[in-house]
N, C-alpha and C. Protein backbone atom coordinates (compact mmCIF):
# COMPACT_ATOMS: atom_id res chain seq x y z
N UNK A 1 23.22 -17.86 -106.15
CA UNK A 1 23.97 -18.97 -106.71
C UNK A 1 25.02 -18.45 -107.68
N UNK A 2 26.18 -19.06 -107.66
CA UNK A 2 27.27 -18.65 -108.53
C UNK A 2 27.10 -19.23 -109.93
N UNK A 3 27.41 -18.44 -110.92
CA UNK A 3 27.30 -18.87 -112.31
C UNK A 3 28.34 -19.93 -112.63
N UNK A 4 27.93 -20.93 -113.43
CA UNK A 4 28.82 -21.98 -113.91
C UNK A 4 28.98 -21.83 -115.41
N UNK A 5 30.21 -21.91 -115.90
CA UNK A 5 30.43 -21.88 -117.34
C UNK A 5 29.98 -23.21 -117.95
N UNK A 6 29.52 -23.17 -119.18
CA UNK A 6 28.98 -24.36 -119.83
C UNK A 6 29.98 -25.51 -119.89
N UNK A 7 31.27 -25.21 -120.09
CA UNK A 7 32.25 -26.29 -120.19
C UNK A 7 32.42 -27.05 -118.87
N UNK A 8 32.00 -26.45 -117.75
CA UNK A 8 32.16 -27.08 -116.43
C UNK A 8 30.87 -27.71 -115.92
N UNK A 9 29.79 -27.65 -116.66
CA UNK A 9 28.50 -28.17 -116.19
C UNK A 9 28.57 -29.67 -115.93
N UNK A 10 29.26 -30.43 -116.78
CA UNK A 10 29.33 -31.89 -116.62
C UNK A 10 30.00 -32.31 -115.32
N UNK A 11 30.72 -31.42 -114.68
CA UNK A 11 31.38 -31.72 -113.40
C UNK A 11 30.39 -31.66 -112.23
N UNK A 12 29.16 -31.25 -112.49
CA UNK A 12 28.17 -31.03 -111.42
C UNK A 12 26.95 -31.95 -111.58
N UNK A 13 27.15 -33.19 -112.03
CA UNK A 13 26.05 -34.13 -112.23
C UNK A 13 25.27 -34.30 -110.91
N UNK A 14 23.94 -34.17 -111.01
CA UNK A 14 23.08 -34.33 -109.84
C UNK A 14 22.94 -33.09 -108.98
N UNK A 15 23.65 -32.03 -109.32
CA UNK A 15 23.59 -30.79 -108.54
C UNK A 15 22.85 -29.71 -109.32
N UNK A 16 22.44 -28.69 -108.60
CA UNK A 16 21.80 -27.55 -109.24
C UNK A 16 22.87 -26.53 -109.64
N UNK A 17 22.75 -26.03 -110.87
CA UNK A 17 23.68 -25.02 -111.37
C UNK A 17 22.91 -23.87 -112.00
N UNK A 18 23.60 -22.76 -112.14
CA UNK A 18 23.06 -21.62 -112.88
C UNK A 18 24.02 -21.31 -114.01
N UNK A 19 23.47 -21.21 -115.21
CA UNK A 19 24.25 -20.80 -116.38
C UNK A 19 23.63 -19.53 -116.95
N UNK A 20 24.43 -18.79 -117.67
CA UNK A 20 23.95 -17.60 -118.36
C UNK A 20 24.56 -17.59 -119.75
N UNK A 21 23.77 -17.20 -120.73
CA UNK A 21 24.30 -17.14 -122.08
C UNK A 21 23.22 -16.80 -123.08
N UNK A 22 23.56 -17.00 -124.35
CA UNK A 22 22.67 -16.68 -125.45
C UNK A 22 21.90 -17.91 -125.89
N UNK A 23 20.66 -17.73 -126.24
CA UNK A 23 19.88 -18.79 -126.85
C UNK A 23 20.49 -19.07 -128.22
N UNK A 24 20.95 -20.30 -128.42
CA UNK A 24 21.64 -20.65 -129.66
C UNK A 24 20.73 -21.42 -130.61
N UNK A 25 19.87 -22.28 -130.04
CA UNK A 25 18.96 -23.06 -130.87
C UNK A 25 17.77 -23.49 -130.01
N UNK A 26 16.60 -23.61 -130.64
CA UNK A 26 15.38 -24.02 -129.95
C UNK A 26 14.70 -25.08 -130.81
N UNK A 27 14.41 -26.27 -130.21
CA UNK A 27 13.76 -27.37 -130.94
C UNK A 27 12.60 -27.91 -130.12
N UNK A 28 11.49 -28.15 -130.78
CA UNK A 28 10.32 -28.76 -130.15
C UNK A 28 10.21 -30.19 -130.64
N UNK A 29 10.26 -31.16 -129.71
CA UNK A 29 10.19 -32.57 -130.08
C UNK A 29 9.25 -33.30 -129.14
N UNK A 30 8.08 -33.68 -129.62
CA UNK A 30 7.16 -34.50 -128.86
C UNK A 30 6.82 -34.01 -127.47
N UNK A 31 6.44 -32.78 -127.32
CA UNK A 31 6.04 -32.27 -126.02
C UNK A 31 7.20 -31.76 -125.18
N UNK A 32 8.42 -31.96 -125.64
CA UNK A 32 9.60 -31.44 -124.94
C UNK A 32 10.20 -30.31 -125.77
N UNK A 33 10.74 -29.35 -125.09
CA UNK A 33 11.46 -28.28 -125.77
C UNK A 33 12.93 -28.40 -125.38
N UNK A 34 13.77 -28.49 -126.39
CA UNK A 34 15.22 -28.53 -126.17
C UNK A 34 15.78 -27.19 -126.61
N UNK A 35 16.58 -26.58 -125.74
CA UNK A 35 17.27 -25.35 -126.14
C UNK A 35 18.76 -25.56 -125.91
N UNK A 36 19.55 -24.95 -126.76
CA UNK A 36 20.99 -24.89 -126.57
C UNK A 36 21.33 -23.48 -126.14
N UNK A 37 22.06 -23.37 -125.05
CA UNK A 37 22.50 -22.07 -124.54
C UNK A 37 24.01 -22.00 -124.74
N UNK A 38 24.47 -20.88 -125.29
CA UNK A 38 25.88 -20.69 -125.62
C UNK A 38 26.48 -19.61 -124.72
N UNK A 39 27.63 -19.90 -124.15
CA UNK A 39 28.40 -18.85 -123.48
C UNK A 39 29.81 -18.89 -124.06
N UNK A 40 30.73 -18.17 -123.48
CA UNK A 40 32.07 -18.08 -124.06
C UNK A 40 32.81 -19.42 -124.08
N UNK A 41 32.35 -20.38 -123.29
CA UNK A 41 33.05 -21.66 -123.21
C UNK A 41 32.42 -22.75 -124.07
N UNK A 42 31.24 -22.54 -124.62
CA UNK A 42 30.62 -23.54 -125.47
C UNK A 42 29.11 -23.64 -125.30
N UNK A 43 28.56 -24.79 -125.70
CA UNK A 43 27.11 -25.02 -125.69
C UNK A 43 26.72 -25.98 -124.58
N UNK A 44 25.50 -25.81 -124.08
CA UNK A 44 24.91 -26.77 -123.14
C UNK A 44 23.44 -26.92 -123.53
N UNK A 45 22.93 -28.14 -123.41
CA UNK A 45 21.54 -28.41 -123.75
C UNK A 45 20.67 -28.32 -122.51
N UNK A 46 19.48 -27.74 -122.66
CA UNK A 46 18.52 -27.60 -121.57
C UNK A 46 17.21 -28.24 -122.03
N UNK A 47 16.64 -29.11 -121.19
CA UNK A 47 15.38 -29.78 -121.50
C UNK A 47 14.28 -29.07 -120.71
N UNK A 48 13.32 -28.49 -121.44
CA UNK A 48 12.25 -27.73 -120.81
C UNK A 48 10.94 -28.50 -120.99
N UNK A 49 10.33 -28.91 -119.87
CA UNK A 49 9.05 -29.63 -119.91
C UNK A 49 7.90 -28.76 -119.40
N UNK A 50 8.17 -27.93 -118.41
CA UNK A 50 7.15 -27.12 -117.77
C UNK A 50 6.58 -26.10 -118.76
N UNK A 51 5.26 -26.09 -118.92
CA UNK A 51 4.60 -25.22 -119.89
C UNK A 51 4.84 -23.74 -119.60
N UNK A 52 4.91 -23.37 -118.32
CA UNK A 52 5.17 -21.97 -117.95
C UNK A 52 6.56 -21.53 -118.41
N UNK A 53 7.51 -22.43 -118.28
CA UNK A 53 8.88 -22.11 -118.71
C UNK A 53 8.97 -22.06 -120.23
N UNK A 54 8.26 -22.98 -120.91
CA UNK A 54 8.24 -22.96 -122.38
C UNK A 54 7.61 -21.67 -122.88
N UNK A 55 6.58 -21.21 -122.18
CA UNK A 55 5.88 -19.97 -122.57
C UNK A 55 6.82 -18.76 -122.53
N UNK A 56 7.79 -18.77 -121.63
CA UNK A 56 8.76 -17.67 -121.54
C UNK A 56 9.59 -17.56 -122.82
N UNK A 57 9.72 -18.68 -123.55
CA UNK A 57 10.52 -18.69 -124.77
C UNK A 57 9.72 -18.32 -126.01
N UNK A 58 8.40 -18.21 -125.87
CA UNK A 58 7.56 -17.90 -127.02
C UNK A 58 7.97 -16.56 -127.63
N UNK A 59 8.25 -16.58 -128.92
CA UNK A 59 8.62 -15.37 -129.65
C UNK A 59 10.07 -14.96 -129.49
N UNK A 60 10.83 -15.68 -128.66
CA UNK A 60 12.23 -15.33 -128.46
C UNK A 60 13.07 -15.91 -129.60
N UNK A 61 13.96 -15.10 -130.12
CA UNK A 61 14.80 -15.51 -131.25
C UNK A 61 16.20 -15.88 -130.75
N UNK A 62 16.98 -16.45 -131.64
CA UNK A 62 18.37 -16.76 -131.34
C UNK A 62 19.07 -15.46 -130.96
N UNK A 63 19.88 -15.53 -129.90
CA UNK A 63 20.57 -14.35 -129.40
C UNK A 63 19.96 -13.80 -128.13
N UNK A 64 18.78 -14.29 -127.74
CA UNK A 64 18.15 -13.87 -126.48
C UNK A 64 19.07 -14.27 -125.33
N UNK A 65 19.30 -13.36 -124.41
CA UNK A 65 20.18 -13.64 -123.27
C UNK A 65 19.34 -14.25 -122.15
N UNK A 66 19.78 -15.43 -121.68
CA UNK A 66 19.03 -16.19 -120.68
C UNK A 66 19.88 -16.49 -119.46
N UNK A 67 19.21 -16.60 -118.31
CA UNK A 67 19.80 -17.19 -117.11
C UNK A 67 18.98 -18.44 -116.84
N UNK A 68 19.65 -19.57 -116.68
CA UNK A 68 18.98 -20.86 -116.49
C UNK A 68 19.50 -21.51 -115.22
N UNK A 69 18.57 -21.91 -114.35
CA UNK A 69 18.92 -22.64 -113.14
C UNK A 69 18.22 -23.98 -113.19
N UNK A 70 18.98 -25.07 -113.01
CA UNK A 70 18.38 -26.40 -113.06
C UNK A 70 19.33 -27.47 -112.59
N UNK A 71 18.85 -28.72 -112.66
CA UNK A 71 19.60 -29.89 -112.20
C UNK A 71 20.36 -30.49 -113.38
N UNK A 72 21.63 -30.80 -113.18
CA UNK A 72 22.47 -31.38 -114.23
C UNK A 72 22.28 -32.89 -114.26
N UNK A 73 22.01 -33.41 -115.45
CA UNK A 73 21.87 -34.85 -115.66
C UNK A 73 22.91 -35.29 -116.69
N UNK A 74 23.42 -36.50 -116.50
CA UNK A 74 24.37 -37.07 -117.45
C UNK A 74 23.63 -37.44 -118.73
N UNK A 75 24.12 -36.99 -119.87
CA UNK A 75 23.53 -37.32 -121.17
C UNK A 75 24.63 -37.28 -122.23
N UNK A 76 25.18 -38.45 -122.58
CA UNK A 76 26.31 -38.49 -123.52
C UNK A 76 25.99 -37.92 -124.90
N UNK A 77 24.71 -37.91 -125.30
CA UNK A 77 24.35 -37.39 -126.63
C UNK A 77 24.27 -35.87 -126.67
N UNK A 78 24.23 -35.24 -125.52
CA UNK A 78 24.12 -33.77 -125.45
C UNK A 78 25.49 -33.12 -125.61
N UNK A 79 25.52 -31.87 -126.11
CA UNK A 79 26.80 -31.17 -126.18
C UNK A 79 27.41 -31.06 -124.78
N UNK A 80 28.67 -31.43 -124.65
CA UNK A 80 29.34 -31.35 -123.35
C UNK A 80 29.11 -32.58 -122.48
N UNK A 81 28.27 -33.54 -122.92
CA UNK A 81 28.06 -34.77 -122.17
C UNK A 81 27.07 -34.66 -121.02
N UNK A 82 26.41 -33.54 -120.88
CA UNK A 82 25.42 -33.35 -119.81
C UNK A 82 24.36 -32.38 -120.30
N UNK A 83 23.23 -32.38 -119.61
CA UNK A 83 22.17 -31.43 -119.93
C UNK A 83 21.49 -30.99 -118.64
N UNK A 84 20.74 -29.91 -118.72
CA UNK A 84 20.07 -29.35 -117.56
C UNK A 84 18.59 -29.68 -117.65
N UNK A 85 18.03 -30.22 -116.55
CA UNK A 85 16.62 -30.59 -116.47
C UNK A 85 15.91 -29.71 -115.44
N UNK A 86 14.59 -29.67 -115.53
CA UNK A 86 13.73 -28.88 -114.62
C UNK A 86 14.24 -27.45 -114.47
N UNK A 87 14.45 -26.76 -115.60
CA UNK A 87 15.04 -25.42 -115.51
C UNK A 87 14.05 -24.35 -115.09
N UNK A 88 14.57 -23.33 -114.47
CA UNK A 88 13.87 -22.08 -114.24
C UNK A 88 14.57 -21.07 -115.15
N UNK A 89 13.81 -20.51 -116.08
CA UNK A 89 14.38 -19.60 -117.07
C UNK A 89 14.11 -18.16 -116.70
N UNK A 90 15.10 -17.33 -116.93
CA UNK A 90 14.93 -15.89 -116.80
C UNK A 90 15.43 -15.26 -118.09
N UNK A 91 14.53 -14.56 -118.77
CA UNK A 91 14.92 -13.85 -120.00
C UNK A 91 15.50 -12.51 -119.57
N UNK A 92 16.82 -12.39 -119.74
CA UNK A 92 17.52 -11.18 -119.30
C UNK A 92 17.46 -10.08 -120.36
N UNK A 93 17.69 -10.46 -121.62
CA UNK A 93 17.61 -9.52 -122.74
C UNK A 93 16.87 -10.22 -123.87
N UNK A 94 15.59 -9.86 -124.09
CA UNK A 94 14.83 -10.53 -125.14
C UNK A 94 15.22 -10.05 -126.54
N UNK A 95 15.27 -10.99 -127.47
CA UNK A 95 15.46 -10.67 -128.89
C UNK A 95 14.22 -11.19 -129.58
N UNK A 96 13.40 -10.29 -130.10
CA UNK A 96 12.14 -10.70 -130.71
C UNK A 96 12.15 -10.63 -132.23
N UNK A 97 13.13 -9.92 -132.80
CA UNK A 97 13.22 -9.84 -134.25
C UNK A 97 14.19 -10.90 -134.76
N UNK A 98 13.84 -11.48 -135.89
CA UNK A 98 14.70 -12.50 -136.48
C UNK A 98 16.00 -11.87 -136.96
N UNK A 99 17.16 -12.41 -136.56
CA UNK A 99 18.42 -11.80 -136.98
C UNK A 99 18.67 -11.97 -138.48
N UNK A 100 19.36 -11.02 -139.11
CA UNK A 100 19.61 -11.10 -140.55
C UNK A 100 20.64 -12.17 -140.93
N UNK A 101 21.39 -12.66 -139.92
CA UNK A 101 22.39 -13.70 -140.15
C UNK A 101 22.07 -14.86 -139.22
N UNK A 102 22.06 -16.08 -139.75
CA UNK A 102 21.81 -17.26 -138.93
C UNK A 102 23.12 -17.69 -138.29
N UNK A 103 23.26 -17.43 -136.99
CA UNK A 103 24.54 -17.71 -136.34
C UNK A 103 24.69 -19.17 -135.93
N UNK A 104 23.63 -19.96 -136.04
CA UNK A 104 23.72 -21.36 -135.66
C UNK A 104 24.00 -22.27 -136.86
N UNK A 105 24.23 -21.67 -138.03
CA UNK A 105 24.52 -22.42 -139.25
C UNK A 105 25.78 -21.84 -139.89
N UNK A 106 26.45 -22.62 -140.76
CA UNK A 106 27.64 -22.07 -141.43
C UNK A 106 27.31 -20.80 -142.22
N UNK A 107 28.22 -19.84 -142.18
CA UNK A 107 28.05 -18.55 -142.85
C UNK A 107 28.42 -18.70 -144.33
N UNK A 108 27.58 -18.14 -145.20
CA UNK A 108 27.82 -18.15 -146.64
C UNK A 108 28.67 -16.93 -146.99
N UNK A 109 29.89 -17.16 -147.48
CA UNK A 109 30.81 -16.06 -147.78
C UNK A 109 30.83 -15.71 -149.27
N UNK A 110 29.73 -15.92 -149.97
CA UNK A 110 29.66 -15.57 -151.39
C UNK A 110 29.68 -14.05 -151.55
N UNK A 111 30.21 -13.56 -152.67
CA UNK A 111 30.33 -12.11 -152.86
C UNK A 111 29.00 -11.35 -152.74
N UNK A 112 27.89 -11.94 -153.18
CA UNK A 112 26.62 -11.23 -153.10
C UNK A 112 26.09 -11.14 -151.66
N UNK A 113 26.70 -11.84 -150.74
CA UNK A 113 26.28 -11.83 -149.33
C UNK A 113 27.21 -10.98 -148.45
N UNK A 114 28.31 -10.47 -149.02
CA UNK A 114 29.33 -9.78 -148.23
C UNK A 114 28.83 -8.48 -147.60
N UNK A 115 27.98 -7.73 -148.29
CA UNK A 115 27.47 -6.48 -147.71
C UNK A 115 26.72 -6.76 -146.40
N UNK A 116 25.90 -7.78 -146.39
CA UNK A 116 25.16 -8.15 -145.18
C UNK A 116 26.11 -8.59 -144.08
N UNK A 117 27.11 -9.39 -144.45
CA UNK A 117 28.08 -9.87 -143.46
C UNK A 117 28.85 -8.71 -142.82
N UNK A 118 29.25 -7.74 -143.61
CA UNK A 118 29.99 -6.61 -143.07
C UNK A 118 29.10 -5.70 -142.23
N UNK A 119 27.86 -5.51 -142.68
CA UNK A 119 26.94 -4.64 -141.94
C UNK A 119 26.59 -5.22 -140.57
N UNK A 120 26.49 -6.55 -140.50
CA UNK A 120 26.13 -7.22 -139.25
C UNK A 120 27.29 -8.05 -138.73
N UNK A 121 28.49 -7.51 -138.80
CA UNK A 121 29.70 -8.24 -138.39
C UNK A 121 29.62 -8.69 -136.92
N UNK A 122 29.00 -7.89 -136.07
CA UNK A 122 28.90 -8.25 -134.66
C UNK A 122 28.12 -9.55 -134.47
N UNK A 123 27.13 -9.79 -135.32
CA UNK A 123 26.38 -11.06 -135.27
C UNK A 123 27.18 -12.19 -135.90
N UNK A 124 27.85 -11.88 -136.98
CA UNK A 124 28.67 -12.86 -137.69
C UNK A 124 29.73 -13.45 -136.76
N UNK A 125 30.29 -12.65 -135.88
CA UNK A 125 31.34 -13.12 -134.97
C UNK A 125 30.82 -14.06 -133.90
N UNK A 126 29.52 -14.16 -133.73
CA UNK A 126 28.93 -15.07 -132.75
C UNK A 126 28.81 -16.49 -133.29
N UNK A 127 29.02 -16.67 -134.58
CA UNK A 127 28.94 -17.99 -135.20
C UNK A 127 30.12 -18.83 -134.72
N UNK A 128 29.83 -20.07 -134.31
CA UNK A 128 30.87 -20.94 -133.74
C UNK A 128 31.98 -21.24 -134.74
N UNK A 129 31.63 -21.38 -136.03
CA UNK A 129 32.66 -21.65 -137.05
C UNK A 129 33.56 -20.44 -137.24
N UNK A 130 32.99 -19.25 -137.20
CA UNK A 130 33.78 -18.03 -137.35
C UNK A 130 34.70 -17.82 -136.14
N UNK A 131 34.23 -18.19 -134.96
CA UNK A 131 35.03 -18.03 -133.75
C UNK A 131 36.27 -18.92 -133.75
N UNK A 132 36.20 -20.05 -134.45
CA UNK A 132 37.35 -20.95 -134.50
C UNK A 132 38.57 -20.26 -135.11
N UNK A 133 38.35 -19.38 -136.07
CA UNK A 133 39.45 -18.64 -136.69
C UNK A 133 40.19 -17.83 -135.64
N UNK A 134 39.45 -17.15 -134.77
CA UNK A 134 40.06 -16.31 -133.75
C UNK A 134 40.72 -17.13 -132.65
N UNK A 135 40.16 -18.29 -132.35
CA UNK A 135 40.77 -19.16 -131.34
C UNK A 135 42.11 -19.70 -131.84
N UNK A 136 42.17 -20.07 -133.11
CA UNK A 136 43.44 -20.56 -133.68
C UNK A 136 44.46 -19.43 -133.68
N UNK A 137 44.05 -18.25 -134.10
CA UNK A 137 44.97 -17.11 -134.14
C UNK A 137 45.49 -16.77 -132.75
N UNK A 138 44.60 -16.76 -131.74
CA UNK A 138 45.02 -16.45 -130.37
C UNK A 138 46.01 -17.49 -129.85
N UNK A 139 45.77 -18.78 -130.17
CA UNK A 139 46.70 -19.83 -129.73
C UNK A 139 48.05 -19.68 -130.40
N UNK A 140 48.05 -19.36 -131.68
CA UNK A 140 49.31 -19.17 -132.40
C UNK A 140 50.09 -17.98 -131.82
N UNK A 141 49.41 -16.87 -131.60
CA UNK A 141 50.09 -15.70 -131.02
C UNK A 141 50.62 -15.99 -129.62
N UNK A 142 49.87 -16.76 -128.82
CA UNK A 142 50.32 -17.13 -127.47
C UNK A 142 51.58 -17.99 -127.56
N UNK A 143 51.60 -18.93 -128.51
CA UNK A 143 52.77 -19.78 -128.70
C UNK A 143 53.99 -18.96 -129.10
N UNK A 144 53.82 -18.06 -130.06
CA UNK A 144 54.94 -17.23 -130.53
C UNK A 144 55.46 -16.36 -129.39
N UNK A 145 54.54 -15.73 -128.64
CA UNK A 145 54.95 -14.87 -127.54
C UNK A 145 55.71 -15.67 -126.47
N UNK A 146 55.23 -16.87 -126.13
CA UNK A 146 55.92 -17.72 -125.16
C UNK A 146 57.31 -18.11 -125.64
N UNK A 147 57.42 -18.47 -126.92
CA UNK A 147 58.72 -18.83 -127.49
C UNK A 147 59.70 -17.67 -127.38
N UNK A 148 59.25 -16.50 -127.79
CA UNK A 148 60.13 -15.34 -127.75
C UNK A 148 60.51 -14.96 -126.31
N UNK A 149 59.57 -15.06 -125.38
CA UNK A 149 59.88 -14.78 -123.97
C UNK A 149 60.91 -15.76 -123.42
N UNK A 150 60.77 -17.04 -123.75
CA UNK A 150 61.71 -18.06 -123.29
C UNK A 150 63.12 -17.84 -123.84
N UNK A 151 63.22 -17.16 -124.97
CA UNK A 151 64.52 -16.90 -125.59
C UNK A 151 64.98 -15.45 -125.36
N UNK A 152 64.48 -14.84 -124.30
CA UNK A 152 64.91 -13.51 -123.83
C UNK A 152 64.75 -12.39 -124.85
N UNK A 153 63.76 -12.50 -125.71
CA UNK A 153 63.44 -11.38 -126.59
C UNK A 153 62.73 -10.31 -125.77
N UNK A 154 62.83 -9.09 -126.20
CA UNK A 154 62.16 -7.99 -125.52
C UNK A 154 61.05 -7.48 -126.43
N UNK A 155 59.86 -7.42 -125.91
CA UNK A 155 58.74 -6.92 -126.69
C UNK A 155 58.66 -5.41 -126.53
N UNK A 156 58.58 -4.71 -127.64
CA UNK A 156 58.43 -3.26 -127.59
C UNK A 156 57.20 -2.86 -128.39
N UNK A 157 56.61 -1.76 -128.01
CA UNK A 157 55.48 -1.19 -128.74
C UNK A 157 55.88 0.19 -129.20
N UNK A 158 56.12 0.32 -130.50
CA UNK A 158 56.60 1.59 -131.05
C UNK A 158 55.42 2.44 -131.49
N UNK A 159 55.62 3.75 -131.57
CA UNK A 159 54.54 4.59 -132.12
C UNK A 159 54.40 4.28 -133.61
N UNK A 160 53.25 4.54 -134.12
CA UNK A 160 53.00 4.29 -135.54
C UNK A 160 53.63 5.41 -136.37
N UNK A 161 54.46 5.06 -137.29
CA UNK A 161 55.10 6.04 -138.18
C UNK A 161 54.38 5.99 -139.53
N UNK A 162 53.96 7.15 -140.00
CA UNK A 162 53.22 7.23 -141.25
C UNK A 162 54.02 8.02 -142.28
N UNK A 163 53.94 7.59 -143.52
CA UNK A 163 54.66 8.28 -144.59
C UNK A 163 54.02 9.62 -144.94
N UNK A 164 52.70 9.73 -144.76
CA UNK A 164 51.99 10.95 -145.12
C UNK A 164 51.60 11.78 -143.91
N UNK A 165 51.02 12.93 -144.19
CA UNK A 165 50.56 13.82 -143.11
C UNK A 165 49.41 13.19 -142.36
N UNK A 166 49.30 13.50 -141.07
CA UNK A 166 48.22 12.97 -140.24
C UNK A 166 47.13 14.02 -140.09
N UNK A 167 46.07 13.66 -139.36
CA UNK A 167 44.94 14.57 -139.16
C UNK A 167 45.37 15.89 -138.52
N UNK A 168 46.25 15.80 -137.54
CA UNK A 168 46.70 17.01 -136.84
C UNK A 168 47.67 17.84 -137.63
N UNK A 169 48.21 17.30 -138.70
CA UNK A 169 49.14 18.03 -139.55
C UNK A 169 50.53 18.10 -138.97
N UNK A 170 50.79 17.42 -137.87
CA UNK A 170 52.13 17.49 -137.25
C UNK A 170 53.13 16.62 -137.96
């Protein structure tokens, strides 16, 4: 089965899809387990009822890489307007240790927390709020590049010129 990105899941109501991504959040509510799976396009909610499938998630932390195959149901309250039911879960890369940064909550940028943020920057960049900064920057750069191309500017990439001596001494 071909992988579907999370942003396109709502287009497949009533059909079986396969998604792959990171475990973003896990909630237990009245005998049901709800998980949010994140890929590069966003979040999708998965409803897990089968005890065998829930057992696969035992001890798994946020960031676990999952492949999920299930039926898409319309659910306006879910992220993306749809959710996956009757899933078959495959844990592709288990994460069993609790991460030092909570990527599903806003990041605290206080000075006493900066050492942790810099040391675990790769985790920090997985936070959806932090990613918005890069999406805005990429859109702005795309707009500027398109404007300059439309006005016949020529893009050049020059070598880096340094005022001081370099490692090679040249």
